[in-house]
Amino acid sequence: MAQDASTETSEQRRSHTGEDLRALTRKVLTVAASVIRVLTVVFAAILVIHVILSVAGANPANGITVFFRDLASNLTLGIGDLFLPASESLRIILNFGLAAVVWIVIGIVVSKLLNALAP
């Protein structure tokens, strides 16, 4: 009889441990999905700010313009020179705008995958 009580307690502990592990995994995956969504939106915002500054004719030597241009150049995902129209403004809009859209799509897809994996 005493063994039955200890066996039930041991099984209950294993059950609680499994539930705790699933809850922790769910929480970690949910937080990771949120972090990825936030990061990809920030990356897209940097690209959009660069497009706005460039198209609006901001001083290219200004520190803020240089800061966003340098950041945006590192976030183009290799498509910074995909389109080469004659107009510089159109080139920036197409290439950096497309990169911003791709970052948003990446954020949505990866966060949905992580949320789907959460138990």
PDB file of N, CA and C in Angstrom:
ATOM      1  N   MET A   1       0.820  -1.175   0.000  1.00  0.00           N
ATOM      2  CA  MET A   1       0.000   0.000   0.000  1.00  0.00           C
ATOM      3  C   MET A   1       0.871   1.247   0.000  1.00  0.00           C
ATOM      4  N   ALA A   2       1.956   1.196   0.761  1.00  0.00           N
ATOM      5  CA  ALA A   2       2.851   2.346   0.800  1.00  0.00           C
ATOM      6  C   ALA A   2       3.548   2.505  -0.545  1.00  0.00           C
ATOM      7  N   GLN A   3       3.828   1.377  -1.229  1.00  0.00           N
ATOM      8  CA  GLN A   3       4.450   1.464  -2.535  1.00  0.00           C
ATOM      9  C   GLN A   3       3.514   2.105  -3.547  1.00  0.00           C
ATOM     10  N   ASP A   4       2.205   1.801  -3.467  1.00  0.00           N
ATOM     11  CA  ASP A   4       1.232   2.390  -4.382  1.00  0.00           C
ATOM     12  C   ASP A   4       1.205   3.904  -4.226  1.00  0.00           C
ATOM     13  N   ALA A   5       1.265   4.367  -2.994  1.00  0.00           N
ATOM     14  CA  ALA A   5       1.240   5.805  -2.745  1.00  0.00           C
ATOM     15  C   ALA A   5       2.497   6.461  -3.303  1.00  0.00           C
ATOM     16  N   SER A   6       3.649   5.819  -3.123  1.00  0.00           N
ATOM     17  CA  SER A   6       4.886   6.413  -3.639  1.00  0.00           C
ATOM     18  C   SER A   6       4.924   6.336  -5.156  1.00  0.00           C
ATOM     19  N   THR A   7       4.364   5.291  -5.751  1.00  0.00           N
ATOM     20  CA  THR A   7       4.314   5.164  -7.205  1.00  0.00           C
ATOM     21  C   THR A   7       3.421   6.251  -7.784  1.00  0.00           C
ATOM     22  N   GLU A   8       2.288   6.482  -7.173  1.00  0.00           N
ATOM     23  CA  GLU A   8       1.385   7.531  -7.657  1.00  0.00           C
ATOM     24  C   GLU A   8       2.057   8.890  -7.542  1.00  0.00           C
ATOM     25  N   THR A   9       2.754   9.121  -6.493  1.00  0.00           N
ATOM     26  CA  THR A   9       3.440  10.392  -6.313  1.00  0.00           C
ATOM     27  C   THR A   9       4.529  10.556  -7.375  1.00  0.00           C
ATOM     28  N   SER A  10       5.242   9.504  -7.649  1.00  0.00           N
ATOM     29  CA  SER A  10       6.287   9.546  -8.665  1.00  0.00           C
ATOM     30  C   SER A  10       5.677   9.810 -10.045  1.00  0.00           C
ATOM     31  N   GLU A  11       4.572   9.133 -10.349  1.00  0.00           N
ATOM     32  CA  GLU A  11       3.892   9.358 -11.629  1.00  0.00           C
ATOM     33  C   GLU A  11       3.334  10.766 -11.713  1.00  0.00           C
ATOM     34  N   GLN A  12       2.808  11.270 -10.621  1.00  0.00           N
ATOM     35  CA  GLN A  12       2.288  12.633 -10.614  1.00  0.00           C
ATOM     36  C   GLN A  12       3.418  13.634 -10.842  1.00  0.00           C
ATOM     37  N   ARG A  13       4.573  13.371 -10.223  1.00  0.00           N
ATOM     38  CA  ARG A  13       5.722  14.263 -10.416  1.00  0.00           C
ATOM     39  C   ARG A  13       6.159  14.265 -11.873  1.00  0.00           C
ATOM     40  N   ARG A  14       6.220  13.095 -12.492  1.00  0.00           N
ATOM     41  CA  ARG A  14       6.591  13.016 -13.905  1.00  0.00           C
ATOM     42  C   ARG A  14       5.578  13.753 -14.769  1.00  0.00           C
ATOM     43  N   SER A  15       4.315  13.624 -14.446  1.00  0.00           N
ATOM     44  CA  SER A  15       3.261  14.306 -15.198  1.00  0.00           C
ATOM     45  C   SER A  15       3.398  15.811 -15.072  1.00  0.00           C
ATOM     46  N   HIS A  16       3.633  16.282 -13.842  1.00  0.00           N
ATOM     47  CA  HIS A  16       3.808  17.719 -13.632  1.00  0.00           C
ATOM     48  C   HIS A  16       5.067  18.224 -14.322  1.00  0.00           C
ATOM     49  N   THR A  17       6.121  17.432 -14.290  1.00  0.00           N
ATOM     50  CA  THR A  17       7.365  17.831 -14.945  1.00  0.00           C
ATOM     51  C   THR A  17       7.148  17.959 -16.448  1.00  0.00           C
ATOM     52  N   GLY A  18       6.440  17.019 -17.040  1.00  0.00           N
ATOM     53  CA  GLY A  18       6.133  17.074 -18.469  1.00  0.00           C
ATOM     54  C   GLY A  18       5.286  18.288 -18.809  1.00  0.00           C
ATOM     55  N   GLU A  19       4.290  18.569 -17.982  1.00  0.00           N
ATOM     56  CA  GLU A  19       3.438  19.738 -18.198  1.00  0.00           C
ATOM     57  C   GLU A  19       4.249  21.024 -18.054  1.00  0.00           C
ATOM     58  N   ASP A  20       5.118  21.066 -17.043  1.00  0.00           N
ATOM     59  CA  ASP A  20       5.959  22.244 -16.839  1.00  0.00           C
ATOM     60  C   ASP A  20       6.901  22.456 -18.031  1.00  0.00           C
ATOM     61  N   LEU A  21       7.448  21.358 -18.539  1.00  0.00           N
ATOM     62  CA  LEU A  21       8.354  21.455 -19.682  1.00  0.00           C
ATOM     63  C   LEU A  21       7.614  21.951 -20.920  1.00  0.00           C
ATOM     64  N   ARG A  22       6.408  21.459 -21.151  1.00  0.00           N
ATOM     65  CA  ARG A  22       5.609  21.928 -22.285  1.00  0.00           C
ATOM     66  C   ARG A  22       5.260  23.402 -22.133  1.00  0.00           C
ATOM     67  N   ALA A  23       4.902  23.808 -20.931  1.00  0.00           N
ATOM     68  CA  ALA A  23       4.571  25.212 -20.691  1.00  0.00           C
ATOM     69  C   ALA A  23       5.792  26.100 -20.910  1.00  0.00           C
ATOM     70  N   LEU A  24       6.942  25.658 -20.438  1.00  0.00           N
ATOM     71  CA  LEU A  24       8.170  26.422 -20.631  1.00  0.00           C
ATOM     72  C   LEU A  24       8.524  26.508 -22.112  1.00  0.00           C
ATOM     73  N   THR A  25       8.409  25.395 -22.824  1.00  0.00           N
ATOM     74  CA  THR A  25       8.692  25.388 -24.254  1.00  0.00           C
ATOM     75  C   THR A  25       7.756  26.329 -24.996  1.00  0.00           C
ATOM     76  N   ARG A  26       6.472  26.284 -24.653  1.00  0.00           N
ATOM     77  CA  ARG A  26       5.483  27.165 -25.272  1.00  0.00           C
ATOM     78  C   ARG A  26       5.845  28.625 -25.028  1.00  0.00           C
ATOM     79  N   LYS A  27       6.214  28.932 -23.794  1.00  0.00           N
ATOM     80  CA  LYS A  27       6.563  30.311 -23.447  1.00  0.00           C
ATOM     81  C   LYS A  27       7.812  30.769 -24.202  1.00  0.00           C
ATOM     82  N   VAL A  28       8.837  29.916 -24.260  1.00  0.00           N
ATOM     83  CA  VAL A  28      10.082  30.273 -24.965  1.00  0.00           C
ATOM     84  C   VAL A  28       9.805  30.500 -26.451  1.00  0.00           C
ATOM     85  N   LEU A  29       9.041  29.621 -27.082  1.00  0.00           N
ATOM     86  CA  LEU A  29       8.738  29.776 -28.501  1.00  0.00           C
ATOM     87  C   LEU A  29       7.885  31.009 -28.767  1.00  0.00           C
ATOM     88  N   THR A  30       6.964  31.310 -27.874  1.00  0.00           N
ATOM     89  CA  THR A  30       6.132  32.499 -28.034  1.00  0.00           C
ATOM     90  C   THR A  30       6.959  33.776 -27.895  1.00  0.00           C
ATOM     91  N   VAL A  31       7.856  33.797 -26.928  1.00  0.00           N
ATOM     92  CA  VAL A  31       8.735  34.965 -26.748  1.00  0.00           C
ATOM     93  C   VAL A  31       9.660  35.109 -27.952  1.00  0.00           C
ATOM     94  N   ALA A  32      10.213  34.001 -28.436  1.00  0.00           N
ATOM     95  CA  ALA A  32      11.092  34.048 -29.608  1.00  0.00           C
ATOM     96  C   ALA A  32      10.341  34.579 -30.822  1.00  0.00           C
ATOM     97  N   ALA A  33       9.099  34.145 -31.002  1.00  0.00           N
ATOM     98  CA  ALA A  33       8.284  34.638 -32.117  1.00  0.00           C
ATOM     99  C   ALA A  33       8.052  36.141 -31.994  1.00  0.00           C
ATOM    100  N   SER A  34       7.787  36.604 -30.796  1.00  0.00           N
ATOM    101  CA  SER A  34       7.578  38.040 -30.583  1.00  0.00           C
ATOM    102  C   SER A  34       8.850  38.839 -30.856  1.00  0.00           C
ATOM    103  N   VAL A  35       9.975  38.336 -30.397  1.00  0.00           N
ATOM    104  CA  VAL A  35      11.256  39.021 -30.618  1.00  0.00           C
ATOM    105  C   VAL A  35      11.552  39.101 -32.114  1.00  0.00           C
ATOM    106  N   ILE A  36      11.318  38.023 -32.825  1.00  0.00           N
ATOM    107  CA  ILE A  36      11.564  38.015 -34.267  1.00  0.00           C
ATOM    108  C   ILE A  36      10.643  38.992 -34.978  1.00  0.00           C
ATOM    109  N   ARG A  37       9.373  39.033 -34.593  1.00  0.00           N
ATOM    110  CA  ARG A  37       8.444  40.005 -35.196  1.00  0.00           C
ATOM    111  C   ARG A  37       8.921  41.424 -34.970  1.00  0.00           C
ATOM    112  N   VAL A  38       9.332  41.732 -33.753  1.00  0.00           N
ATOM    113  CA  VAL A  38       9.793  43.088 -33.430  1.00  0.00           C
ATOM    114  C   VAL A  38      11.050  43.430 -34.225  1.00  0.00           C
ATOM    115  N   LEU A  39      12.017  42.520 -34.259  1.00  0.00           N
ATOM    116  CA  LEU A  39      13.260  42.777 -34.993  1.00  0.00           C
ATOM    117  C   LEU A  39      13.010  42.994 -36.483  1.00  0.00           C
ATOM    118  N   THR A  40      12.179  42.175 -37.086  1.00  0.00           N
ATOM    119  CA  THR A  40      11.936  42.327 -38.520  1.00  0.00           C
ATOM    120  C   THR A  40      11.174  43.613 -38.827  1.00  0.00           C
ATOM    121  N   VAL A  41      10.292  44.029 -37.945  1.00  0.00           N
ATOM    122  CA  VAL A  41       9.605  45.316 -38.137  1.00  0.00           C
ATOM    123  C   VAL A  41      10.597  46.465 -37.995  1.00  0.00           C
ATOM    124  N   VAL A  42      11.515  46.373 -37.045  1.00  0.00           N
ATOM    125  CA  VAL A  42      12.541  47.410 -36.882  1.00  0.00           C
ATOM    126  C   VAL A  42      13.423  47.467 -38.130  1.00  0.00           C
ATOM    127  N   PHE A  43      13.824  46.311 -38.657  1.00  0.00           N
ATOM    128  CA  PHE A  43      14.641  46.283 -39.870  1.00  0.00           C
ATOM    129  C   PHE A  43      13.891  46.926 -41.038  1.00  0.00           C
ATOM    130  N   ALA A  44      12.624  46.581 -41.187  1.00  0.00           N
ATOM    131  CA  ALA A  44      11.824  47.164 -42.263  1.00  0.00           C
ATOM    132  C   ALA A  44      11.675  48.675 -42.066  1.00  0.00           C
ATOM    133  N   ALA A  45      11.508  49.116 -40.835  1.00  0.00           N
ATOM    134  CA  ALA A  45      11.376  50.548 -40.558  1.00  0.00           C
ATOM    135  C   ALA A  45      12.659  51.297 -40.917  1.00  0.00           C
ATOM    136  N   ILE A  46      13.796  50.717 -40.631  1.00  0.00           N
ATOM    137  CA  ILE A  46      15.076  51.341 -40.998  1.00  0.00           C
ATOM    138  C   ILE A  46      15.159  51.500 -42.510  1.00  0.00           C
ATOM    139  N   LEU A  47      14.761  50.480 -43.248  1.00  0.00           N
ATOM    140  CA  LEU A  47      14.784  50.560 -44.709  1.00  0.00           C
ATOM    141  C   LEU A  47      13.821  51.632 -45.217  1.00  0.00           C
ATOM    142  N   VAL A  48      12.642  51.702 -44.639  1.00  0.00           N
ATOM    143  CA  VAL A  48      11.655  52.699 -45.056  1.00  0.00           C
ATOM    144  C   VAL A  48      12.146  54.110 -44.728  1.00  0.00           C
ATOM    145  N   ILE A  49      12.750  54.300 -43.579  1.00  0.00           N
ATOM    146  CA  ILE A  49      13.296  55.616 -43.222  1.00  0.00           C
ATOM    147  C   ILE A  49      14.378  56.019 -44.218  1.00  0.00           C
ATOM    148  N   HIS A  50      15.221  55.074 -44.599  1.00  0.00           N
ATOM    149  CA  HIS A  50      16.244  55.372 -45.608  1.00  0.00           C
ATOM    150  C   HIS A  50      15.596  55.790 -46.928  1.00  0.00           C
ATOM    151  N   VAL A  51      14.559  55.085 -47.346  1.00  0.00           N
ATOM    152  CA  VAL A  51      13.857  55.438 -48.588  1.00  0.00           C
ATOM    153  C   VAL A  51      13.285  56.845 -48.489  1.00  0.00           C
ATOM    154  N   ILE A  52      12.645  57.153 -47.388  1.00  0.00           N
ATOM    155  CA  ILE A  52      12.034  58.474 -47.213  1.00  0.00           C
ATOM    156  C   ILE A  52      13.100  59.565 -47.233  1.00  0.00           C
ATOM    157  N   LEU A  53      14.173  59.360 -46.500  1.00  0.00           N
ATOM    158  CA  LEU A  53      15.238  60.366 -46.464  1.00  0.00           C
ATOM    159  C   LEU A  53      15.860  60.565 -47.846  1.00  0.00           C
ATOM    160  N   SER A  54      16.069  59.486 -48.556  1.00  0.00           N
ATOM    161  CA  SER A  54      16.699  59.580 -49.878  1.00  0.00           C
ATOM    162  C   SER A  54      15.782  60.237 -50.900  1.00  0.00           C
ATOM    163  N   VAL A  55      14.538  59.808 -50.946  1.00  0.00           N
ATOM    164  CA  VAL A  55      13.592  60.332 -51.932  1.00  0.00           C
ATOM    165  C   VAL A  55      13.223  61.779 -51.620  1.00  0.00           C
ATOM    166  N   ALA A  56      13.166  62.127 -50.336  1.00  0.00           N
ATOM    167  CA  ALA A  56      12.809  63.494 -49.950  1.00  0.00           C
ATOM    168  C   ALA A  56      13.969  64.464 -50.148  1.00  0.00           C
ATOM    169  N   GLY A  57      15.134  63.952 -50.486  1.00  0.00           N
ATOM    170  CA  GLY A  57      16.266  64.818 -50.765  1.00  0.00           C
ATOM    171  C   GLY A  57      17.015  65.290 -49.536  1.00  0.00           C
ATOM    172  N   ALA A  58      17.068  64.454 -48.510  1.00  0.00           N
ATOM    173  CA  ALA A  58      17.814  64.811 -47.298  1.00  0.00           C
ATOM    174  C   ALA A  58      19.299  64.953 -47.641  1.00  0.00           C
ATOM    175  N   ASN A  59      19.981  65.807 -46.902  1.00  0.00           N
ATOM    176  CA  ASN A  59      21.406  66.052 -47.109  1.00  0.00           C
ATOM    177  C   ASN A  59      22.169  64.741 -46.942  1.00  0.00           C
ATOM    178  N   PRO A  60      22.820  64.233 -48.009  1.00  0.00           N
ATOM    179  CA  PRO A  60      23.510  62.943 -47.916  1.00  0.00           C
ATOM    180  C   PRO A  60      24.715  62.950 -46.984  1.00  0.00           C
ATOM    181  N   ALA A  61      25.198  64.125 -46.596  1.00  0.00           N
ATOM    182  CA  ALA A  61      26.336  64.211 -45.682  1.00  0.00           C
ATOM    183  C   ALA A  61      25.906  64.327 -44.223  1.00  0.00           C
ATOM    184  N   ASN A  62      24.621  64.483 -43.982  1.00  0.00           N
ATOM    185  CA  ASN A  62      24.096  64.610 -42.624  1.00  0.00           C
ATOM    186  C   ASN A  62      24.286  63.299 -41.870  1.00  0.00           C
ATOM    187  N   GLY A  63      24.599  63.377 -40.590  1.00  0.00           N
ATOM    188  CA  GLY A  63      24.859  62.190 -39.774  1.00  0.00           C
ATOM    189  C   GLY A  63      23.684  61.229 -39.711  1.00  0.00           C
ATOM    190  N   ILE A  64      22.489  61.762 -39.598  1.00  0.00           N
ATOM    191  CA  ILE A  64      21.302  60.893 -39.521  1.00  0.00           C
ATOM    192  C   ILE A  64      21.103  60.153 -40.836  1.00  0.00           C
ATOM    193  N   THR A  65      21.260  60.871 -41.942  1.00  0.00           N
ATOM    194  CA  THR A  65      21.105  60.255 -43.254  1.00  0.00           C
ATOM    195  C   THR A  65      22.166  59.175 -43.467  1.00  0.00           C
ATOM    196  N   VAL A  66      23.396  59.469 -43.088  1.00  0.00           N
ATOM    197  CA  VAL A  66      24.485  58.493 -43.221  1.00  0.00           C
ATOM    198  C   VAL A  66      24.215  57.274 -42.342  1.00  0.00           C
ATOM    199  N   PHE A  67      23.746  57.513 -41.126  1.00  0.00           N
ATOM    200  CA  PHE A  67      23.436  56.425 -40.194  1.00  0.00           C
ATOM    201  C   PHE A  67      22.412  55.466 -40.796  1.00  0.00           C
ATOM    202  N   PHE A  68      21.292  56.016 -41.287  1.00  0.00           N
ATOM    203  CA  PHE A  68      20.246  55.149 -41.850  1.00  0.00           C
ATOM    204  C   PHE A  68      20.683  54.525 -43.172  1.00  0.00           C
ATOM    205  N   ARG A  69      21.470  55.232 -43.976  1.00  0.00           N
ATOM    206  CA  ARG A  69      21.963  54.665 -45.232  1.00  0.00           C
ATOM    207  C   ARG A  69      22.862  53.460 -44.947  1.00  0.00           C
ATOM    208  N   ASP A  70      23.765  53.597 -43.972  1.00  0.00           N
ATOM    209  CA  ASP A  70      24.665  52.493 -43.636  1.00  0.00           C
ATOM    210  C   ASP A  70      23.912  51.297 -43.075  1.00  0.00           C
ATOM    211  N   LEU A  71      22.969  51.568 -42.178  1.00  0.00           N
ATOM    212  CA  LEU A  71      22.161  50.465 -41.630  1.00  0.00           C
ATOM    213  C   LEU A  71      21.360  49.777 -42.727  1.00  0.00           C
ATOM    214  N   ALA A  72      20.711  50.578 -43.561  1.00  0.00           N
ATOM    215  CA  ALA A  72      19.871  50.027 -44.626  1.00  0.00           C
ATOM    216  C   ALA A  72      20.693  49.203 -45.606  1.00  0.00           C
ATOM    217  N   SER A  73      21.902  49.647 -45.892  1.00  0.00           N
ATOM    218  CA  SER A  73      22.758  48.903 -46.823  1.00  0.00           C
ATOM    219  C   SER A  73      23.074  47.499 -46.300  1.00  0.00           C
ATOM    220  N   ASN A  74      23.131  47.350 -44.992  1.00  0.00           N
ATOM    221  CA  ASN A  74      23.398  46.037 -44.396  1.00  0.00           C
ATOM    222  C   ASN A  74      22.156  45.167 -44.272  1.00  0.00           C
ATOM    223  N   LEU A  75      20.986  45.738 -44.522  1.00  0.00           N
ATOM    224  CA  LEU A  75      19.738  44.996 -44.339  1.00  0.00           C
ATOM    225  C   LEU A  75      19.031  44.659 -45.652  1.00  0.00           C
ATOM    226  N   THR A  76      19.697  44.841 -46.785  1.00  0.00           N
ATOM    227  CA  THR A  76      19.020  44.659 -48.072  1.00  0.00           C
ATOM    228  C   THR A  76      18.836  43.204 -48.486  1.00  0.00           C
ATOM    229  N   LEU A  77      19.439  42.283 -47.782  1.00  0.00           N
ATOM    230  CA  LEU A  77      19.310  40.853 -48.085  1.00  0.00           C
ATOM    231  C   LEU A  77      19.796  40.521 -49.496  1.00  0.00           C
ATOM    232  N   GLY A  78      20.734  41.303 -49.991  1.00  0.00           N
ATOM    233  CA  GLY A  78      21.277  41.045 -51.314  1.00  0.00           C
ATOM    234  C   GLY A  78      20.457  41.588 -52.467  1.00  0.00           C
ATOM    235  N   ILE A  79      19.372  42.287 -52.172  1.00  0.00           N
ATOM    236  CA  ILE A  79      18.542  42.824 -53.252  1.00  0.00           C
ATOM    237  C   ILE A  79      18.658  44.337 -53.360  1.00  0.00           C
ATOM    238  N   GLY A  80      19.747  44.892 -52.836  1.00  0.00           N
ATOM    239  CA  GLY A  80      19.958  46.335 -52.892  1.00  0.00           C
ATOM    240  C   GLY A  80      20.237  46.847 -54.288  1.00  0.00           C
ATOM    241  N   ASP A  81      20.585  45.934 -55.197  1.00  0.00           N
ATOM    242  CA  ASP A  81      20.842  46.348 -56.577  1.00  0.00           C
ATOM    243  C   ASP A  81      20.096  45.451 -57.567  1.00  0.00           C
ATOM    244  N   LEU A  82      18.955  44.945 -57.158  1.00  0.00           N
ATOM    245  CA  LEU A  82      18.166  44.064 -58.013  1.00  0.00           C
ATOM    246  C   LEU A  82      17.606  44.816 -59.213  1.00  0.00           C
ATOM    247  N   PHE A  83      17.058  45.999 -58.957  1.00  0.00           N
ATOM    248  CA  PHE A  83      16.495  46.824 -60.025  1.00  0.00           C
ATOM    249  C   PHE A  83      17.441  47.993 -60.289  1.00  0.00           C
ATOM    250  N   LEU A  84      17.667  48.313 -61.550  1.00  0.00           N
ATOM    251  CA  LEU A  84      18.569  49.397 -61.908  1.00  0.00           C
ATOM    252  C   LEU A  84      17.902  50.377 -62.882  1.00  0.00           C
ATOM    253  N   PRO A  85      16.804  51.014 -62.461  1.00  0.00           N
ATOM    254  CA  PRO A  85      16.188  52.005 -63.352  1.00  0.00           C
ATOM    255  C   PRO A  85      17.066  53.251 -63.456  1.00  0.00           C
ATOM    256  N   ALA A  86      16.773  54.085 -64.435  1.00  0.00           N
ATOM    257  CA  ALA A  86      17.567  55.295 -64.654  1.00  0.00           C
ATOM    258  C   ALA A  86      17.433  56.278 -63.489  1.00  0.00           C
ATOM    259  N   SER A  87      16.274  56.335 -62.882  1.00  0.00           N
ATOM    260  CA  SER A  87      16.031  57.261 -61.774  1.00  0.00           C
ATOM    261  C   SER A  87      16.595  56.693 -60.470  1.00  0.00           C
ATOM    262  N   GLU A  88      17.436  57.480 -59.813  1.00  0.00           N
ATOM    263  CA  GLU A  88      18.019  57.065 -58.529  1.00  0.00           C
ATOM    264  C   GLU A  88      16.932  56.876 -57.469  1.00  0.00           C
ATOM    265  N   SER A  89      15.952  57.776 -57.445  1.00  0.00           N
ATOM    266  CA  SER A  89      14.862  57.671 -56.464  1.00  0.00           C
ATOM    267  C   SER A  89      14.069  56.391 -56.671  1.00  0.00           C
ATOM    268  N   LEU A  90      13.765  56.081 -57.922  1.00  0.00           N
ATOM    269  CA  LEU A  90      13.011  54.858 -58.211  1.00  0.00           C
ATOM    270  C   LEU A  90      13.833  53.622 -57.840  1.00  0.00           C
ATOM    271  N   ARG A  91      15.147  53.667 -58.062  1.00  0.00           N
ATOM    272  CA  ARG A  91      16.023  52.552 -57.692  1.00  0.00           C
ATOM    273  C   ARG A  91      15.970  52.307 -56.192  1.00  0.00           C
ATOM    274  N   ILE A  92      16.033  53.386 -55.425  1.00  0.00           N
ATOM    275  CA  ILE A  92      16.002  53.256 -53.963  1.00  0.00           C
ATOM    276  C   ILE A  92      14.647  52.750 -53.497  1.00  0.00           C
ATOM    277  N   ILE A  93      13.582  53.281 -54.074  1.00  0.00           N
ATOM    278  CA  ILE A  93      12.235  52.850 -53.681  1.00  0.00           C
ATOM    279  C   ILE A  93      12.045  51.364 -53.968  1.00  0.00           C
ATOM    280  N   LEU A  94      12.401  50.935 -55.170  1.00  0.00           N
ATOM    281  CA  LEU A  94      12.204  49.531 -55.549  1.00  0.00           C
ATOM    282  C   LEU A  94      13.066  48.580 -54.722  1.00  0.00           C
ATOM    283  N   ASN A  95      14.353  48.848 -54.650  1.00  0.00           N
ATOM    284  CA  ASN A  95      15.266  47.910 -53.995  1.00  0.00           C
ATOM    285  C   ASN A  95      15.108  47.886 -52.482  1.00  0.00           C
ATOM    286  N   PHE A  96      15.120  49.038 -51.856  1.00  0.00           N
ATOM    287  CA  PHE A  96      15.022  49.075 -50.396  1.00  0.00           C
ATOM    288  C   PHE A  96      13.588  48.820 -49.933  1.00  0.00           C
ATOM    289  N   GLY A  97      12.619  49.239 -50.742  1.00  0.00           N
ATOM    290  CA  GLY A  97      11.218  48.949 -50.414  1.00  0.00           C
ATOM    291  C   GLY A  97      10.932  47.459 -50.473  1.00  0.00           C
ATOM    292  N   LEU A  98      11.469  46.807 -51.504  1.00  0.00           N
ATOM    293  CA  LEU A  98      11.297  45.356 -51.612  1.00  0.00           C
ATOM    294  C   LEU A  98      11.965  44.642 -50.442  1.00  0.00           C
ATOM    295  N   ALA A  99      13.146  45.108 -50.066  1.00  0.00           N
ATOM    296  CA  ALA A  99      13.827  44.497 -48.913  1.00  0.00           C
ATOM    297  C   ALA A  99      12.990  44.651 -47.647  1.00  0.00           C
ATOM    298  N   ALA A 100      12.336  45.810 -47.469  1.00  0.00           N
ATOM    299  CA  ALA A 100      11.470  46.018 -46.298  1.00  0.00           C
ATOM    300  C   ALA A 100      10.304  45.034 -46.312  1.00  0.00           C
ATOM    301  N   VAL A 101       9.704  44.852 -47.475  1.00  0.00           N
ATOM    302  CA  VAL A 101       8.588  43.903 -47.587  1.00  0.00           C
ATOM    303  C   VAL A 101       9.063  42.485 -47.278  1.00  0.00           C
ATOM    304  N   VAL A 102      10.233  42.124 -47.772  1.00  0.00           N
ATOM    305  CA  VAL A 102      10.771  40.785 -47.513  1.00  0.00           C
ATOM    306  C   VAL A 102      11.014  40.586 -46.020  1.00  0.00           C
ATOM    307  N   TRP A 103      11.532  41.601 -45.322  1.00  0.00           N
ATOM    308  CA  TRP A 103      11.734  41.482 -43.873  1.00  0.00           C
ATOM    309  C   TRP A 103      10.407  41.257 -43.159  1.00  0.00           C
ATOM    310  N   ILE A 104       9.368  41.977 -43.571  1.00  0.00           N
ATOM    311  CA  ILE A 104       8.049  41.797 -42.938  1.00  0.00           C
ATOM    312  C   ILE A 104       7.547  40.376 -43.172  1.00  0.00           C
ATOM    313  N   VAL A 105       7.680  39.883 -44.395  1.00  0.00           N
ATOM    314  CA  VAL A 105       7.236  38.520 -44.711  1.00  0.00           C
ATOM    315  C   VAL A 105       8.030  37.497 -43.893  1.00  0.00           C
ATOM    316  N   ILE A 106       9.333  37.686 -43.807  1.00  0.00           N
ATOM    317  CA  ILE A 106      10.167  36.774 -43.001  1.00  0.00           C
ATOM    318  C   ILE A 106       9.681  36.765 -41.553  1.00  0.00           C
ATOM    319  N   GLY A 107       9.419  37.938 -41.003  1.00  0.00           N
ATOM    320  CA  GLY A 107       8.948  38.025 -39.622  1.00  0.00           C
ATOM    321  C   GLY A 107       7.631  37.299 -39.414  1.00  0.00           C
ATOM    322  N   ILE A 108       6.709  37.478 -40.349  1.00  0.00           N
ATOM    323  CA  ILE A 108       5.395  36.829 -40.231  1.00  0.00           C
ATOM    324  C   ILE A 108       5.541  35.315 -40.324  1.00  0.00           C
ATOM    325  N   VAL A 109       6.276  34.843 -41.324  1.00  0.00           N
ATOM    326  CA  VAL A 109       6.403  33.393 -41.546  1.00  0.00           C
ATOM    327  C   VAL A 109       7.113  32.722 -40.377  1.00  0.00           C
ATOM    328  N   VAL A 110       8.247  33.280 -39.956  1.00  0.00           N
ATOM    329  CA  VAL A 110       9.009  32.648 -38.875  1.00  0.00           C
ATOM    330  C   VAL A 110       8.230  32.674 -37.561  1.00  0.00           C
ATOM    331  N   SER A 111       7.576  33.783 -37.266  1.00  0.00           N
ATOM    332  CA  SER A 111       6.821  33.835 -36.009  1.00  0.00           C
ATOM    333  C   SER A 111       5.634  32.880 -36.037  1.00  0.00           C
ATOM    334  N   LYS A 112       4.979  32.730 -37.188  1.00  0.00           N
ATOM    335  CA  LYS A 112       3.882  31.764 -37.276  1.00  0.00           C
ATOM    336  C   LYS A 112       4.391  30.329 -37.130  1.00  0.00           C
ATOM    337  N   LEU A 113       5.551  30.054 -37.710  1.00  0.00           N
ATOM    338  CA  LEU A 113       6.135  28.711 -37.550  1.00  0.00           C
ATOM    339  C   LEU A 113       6.472  28.416 -36.094  1.00  0.00           C
ATOM    340  N   LEU A 114       7.081  29.386 -35.426  1.00  0.00           N
ATOM    341  CA  LEU A 114       7.415  29.186 -34.009  1.00  0.00           C
ATOM    342  C   LEU A 114       6.166  29.007 -33.157  1.00  0.00           C
ATOM    343  N   ASN A 115       5.137  29.793 -33.432  1.00  0.00           N
ATOM    344  CA  ASN A 115       3.898  29.633 -32.682  1.00  0.00           C
ATOM    345  C   ASN A 115       3.227  28.300 -32.981  1.00  0.00           C
ATOM    346  N   ALA A 116       3.359  27.809 -34.209  1.00  0.00           N
ATOM    347  CA  ALA A 116       2.785  26.509 -34.549  1.00  0.00           C
ATOM    348  C   ALA A 116       3.549  25.374 -33.868  1.00  0.00           C
ATOM    349  N   LEU A 117       4.842  25.563 -33.648  1.00  0.00           N
ATOM    350  CA  LEU A 117       5.640  24.530 -32.976  1.00  0.00           C
ATOM    351  C   LEU A 117       5.398  24.487 -31.471  1.00  0.00           C
ATOM    352  N   ALA A 118       4.854  25.567 -30.934  1.00  0.00           N
ATOM    353  CA  ALA A 118       4.617  25.615 -29.482  1.00  0.00           C
ATOM    354  C   ALA A 118       3.572  24.569 -29.113  1.00  0.00           C
ATOM    355  N   PRO A 119       3.900  23.728 -28.132  1.00  0.00           N
ATOM    356  CA  PRO A 119       2.972  22.646 -27.749  1.00  0.00           C
ATOM    357  C   PRO A 119       1.734  23.167 -27.038  1.00  0.00           C
TER     358      PRO A 119
END
